[in-house]
Amino acid sequence: LECIEALDQENAGAVDWPLDAPLRIDALGLTLEPQAIFSHFSWLSETYSLRVRFRQGGERFQSRNDPFSRPLKYHFQKWGIPSWKRNQIPLVYHEDALILIYGYGVSAPMQGSG
């Protein structure tokens, strides 16, 4: 298992995640499973590597039901996520695109592309 032992505020805990194994985030007691990614993005496989980081500010995300991207803060408010918890939610990136807010939302534009 790849492991993030502590959340580093300088790089917001950014780490590469090869999808051939789960990713443990010890500081949050959380394990990210590749199967959760594959179930949403059929074009991904174990040969891909994604990047996981945490909120830094300025992120935008387009969910399935939105015609355009909105600030991440908007989605967190819509989902009722308390402000103290928002910095603890893993954000999963493919290249520079935010494709998944782990446990909350899937990027509409990235579901069918690769």
Protein backbone atom coordinates (compact mmCIF):
# COMPACT_ATOMS: atom_id res chain seq x y z
CA LEU A 1 0.00 0.00 0.00
CA GLU A 2 1.17 3.47 -0.83
CA CYS A 3 0.83 5.62 2.28
CA ILE A 4 0.57 9.30 3.11
CA GLU A 5 1.67 9.43 6.75
CA ALA A 6 1.00 13.10 7.42
CA LEU A 7 -0.77 15.91 5.67
CA ASP A 8 1.86 18.43 4.67
CA GLN A 9 0.36 21.88 4.39
CA GLU A 10 3.12 23.03 2.00
CA ASN A 11 2.11 20.60 -0.76
CA ALA A 12 -1.32 19.79 0.68
CA GLY A 13 -0.36 16.12 0.93
CA ALA A 14 -0.02 15.73 -2.85
CA VAL A 15 1.08 12.25 -3.86
CA ASP A 16 1.16 10.15 -7.01
CA TRP A 17 -1.14 7.15 -6.78
CA PRO A 18 -0.33 4.19 -9.05
CA LEU A 19 -3.67 2.44 -9.52
CA ASP A 20 -2.22 -1.03 -9.05
CA ALA A 21 -2.69 -0.73 -5.25
CA PRO A 22 -4.86 1.04 -2.67
CA LEU A 23 -3.65 4.35 -1.20
CA ARG A 24 -3.69 4.69 2.60
CA ILE A 25 -3.95 8.11 4.19
CA ASP A 26 -3.01 7.34 7.78
CA ALA A 27 -3.66 10.86 9.09
CA LEU A 28 -7.34 10.46 8.15
CA GLY A 29 -7.69 6.72 8.74
CA LEU A 30 -8.75 6.39 5.10
CA THR A 31 -7.90 3.96 2.32
CA LEU A 32 -8.62 4.91 -1.29
CA GLU A 33 -9.43 1.89 -3.43
CA PRO A 34 -8.61 1.74 -7.15
CA GLN A 35 -11.92 -0.08 -7.79
CA ALA A 36 -13.77 3.07 -6.70
CA ILE A 37 -11.97 4.90 -9.52
CA PHE A 38 -12.42 2.19 -12.16
CA SER A 39 -16.17 2.02 -11.50
CA HIS A 40 -16.51 5.66 -12.63
CA PHE A 41 -13.83 5.87 -15.32
CA SER A 42 -13.81 2.80 -17.58
CA TRP A 43 -10.90 4.21 -19.61
CA LEU A 44 -8.56 4.01 -16.58
CA SER A 45 -6.61 0.86 -15.72
CA GLU A 46 -3.97 -0.34 -13.28
CA THR A 47 -1.28 1.06 -15.57
CA TYR A 48 -2.38 4.65 -14.84
CA SER A 49 -1.12 6.84 -12.05
CA LEU A 50 -3.29 9.60 -10.63
CA ARG A 51 -2.41 12.45 -8.27
CA VAL A 52 -4.15 12.90 -4.94
CA ARG A 53 -4.04 16.15 -3.03
CA PHE A 54 -6.19 18.23 -0.77
CA ARG A 55 -7.95 21.54 -1.17
CA GLN A 56 -5.69 24.51 -1.77
CA GLY A 57 -8.25 27.05 -2.94
CA GLY A 58 -9.40 28.05 -6.40
CA GLU A 59 -10.33 24.53 -7.56
CA ARG A 60 -13.26 24.15 -9.93
CA PHE A 61 -15.34 21.05 -10.55
CA GLN A 62 -18.12 20.08 -12.94
CA SER A 63 -20.42 17.43 -11.50
CA ARG A 64 -22.75 15.21 -13.49
CA ASN A 65 -25.77 17.50 -13.14
CA ASP A 66 -24.04 20.81 -13.83
CA PRO A 67 -23.81 22.36 -17.31
CA PHE A 68 -20.53 24.08 -16.36
CA SER A 69 -17.81 23.99 -13.70
CA ARG A 70 -18.29 25.72 -10.38
CA PRO A 71 -15.95 26.54 -7.49
CA LEU A 72 -15.27 23.57 -5.25
CA LYS A 73 -16.60 25.60 -2.33
CA TYR A 74 -20.01 25.71 -4.04
CA HIS A 75 -20.15 21.90 -4.21
CA PHE A 76 -19.02 21.49 -0.61
CA GLN A 77 -21.75 23.87 0.53
CA LYS A 78 -24.36 22.12 -1.63
CA TRP A 79 -23.38 18.75 -0.15
CA GLY A 80 -23.50 20.15 3.39
CA ILE A 81 -19.84 19.45 4.15
CA PRO A 82 -18.72 21.48 7.19
CA SER A 83 -15.89 23.92 6.52
CA TRP A 84 -13.58 22.16 9.03
CA LYS A 85 -13.85 18.90 7.07
CA ARG A 86 -13.28 20.29 3.56
CA ASN A 87 -9.48 20.22 3.77
CA GLN A 88 -9.60 16.50 4.65
CA ILE A 89 -11.38 15.31 1.50
CA PRO A 90 -9.07 13.74 -1.10
CA LEU A 91 -9.16 15.34 -4.54
CA VAL A 92 -8.13 12.97 -7.32
CA TYR A 93 -6.51 14.36 -10.47
CA HIS A 94 -5.71 12.91 -13.88
CA GLU A 95 -3.00 15.14 -15.27
CA ASP A 96 -4.29 18.63 -14.33
CA ALA A 97 -7.99 17.75 -14.32
CA LEU A 98 -9.90 17.24 -11.06
CA ILE A 99 -11.77 14.02 -11.86
CA LEU A 100 -13.07 12.92 -8.47
CA ILE A 101 -13.90 14.35 -5.08
CA TYR A 102 -13.43 11.10 -3.17
CA GLY A 103 -16.69 9.99 -1.61
CA TYR A 104 -18.71 12.89 -3.01
CA GLY A 105 -18.54 13.66 -6.72
CA VAL A 106 -17.42 12.50 -10.14
CA SER A 107 -16.37 14.84 -12.94
CA ALA A 108 -18.87 14.76 -15.78
CA PRO A 109 -16.46 15.76 -18.59
CA MET A 110 -13.88 13.10 -17.66
CA GLN A 111 -16.20 10.10 -17.39
CA GLY A 112 -16.13 9.25 -21.06
CA SER A 113 -12.69 10.55 -22.04
CA GLY A 114 -9.20 9.32 -21.66
